[in-house]
């Protein structure tokens, strides 16, 4: 996709129609691939570079911590380790060393979490297409984050957002709002370091689907 051909992501409406809601129930498992220096249920303070739906700020201009996760290990890998591999690269690869700084945590939800659904039919309710928000280029991240902020600010009972993974459909990716969900609402039930053999095998299997090499 050429940058010149990409239309800017529109601003969200001043007032969104109430979102369609997906509920995660207590006991459901989530997968998170994250920086190994943090515990799996610690929220990102969002003080670094932009991502698709973060950072956003609250009414007092404070950063709202966030936690990205997925409903499968494969989607969590695609949403992190394989996320920025150039689509048209002749030789797609990820340095093996990048995995050493990662950790895979399995998280169990401890209470009902209510997530606004950003799947294609749900977004049409708001007059925006899935490709506009979920498949947009990183140059649009500050604008796509405005939609997460609109959901957060307009709907107090919503704990986060969920969408179909851009690179690993039909699996789900999600973001939790750190001022609505506490670390204690999640329980770490499993941890694998980036050097763990079984985790490396999961990464290689996911990468092979897209002809991506994990380069030594």
Foldseek 3Di string as FASTA:
>chain_A
DDPVPDDAQDFFDPAADDFDKDKDAFFQKWKAKDFPVDDQLDFALQPDDFDLQDFDADPVRHTWTKGKIWNDLLLNCCVPQVVPFDQPDPAAEGELVVLQRIKMWMKGFHHMAIAGEPEQVRVVSRVDGSCSRQVDDPVNRVRSNSVQVSNVHNDVRHQWYKYQHPVDPPIIMIMGTRVRDPSVSMDTPDMDGSPRPVSVVSSVVSCVVSNYYHHD
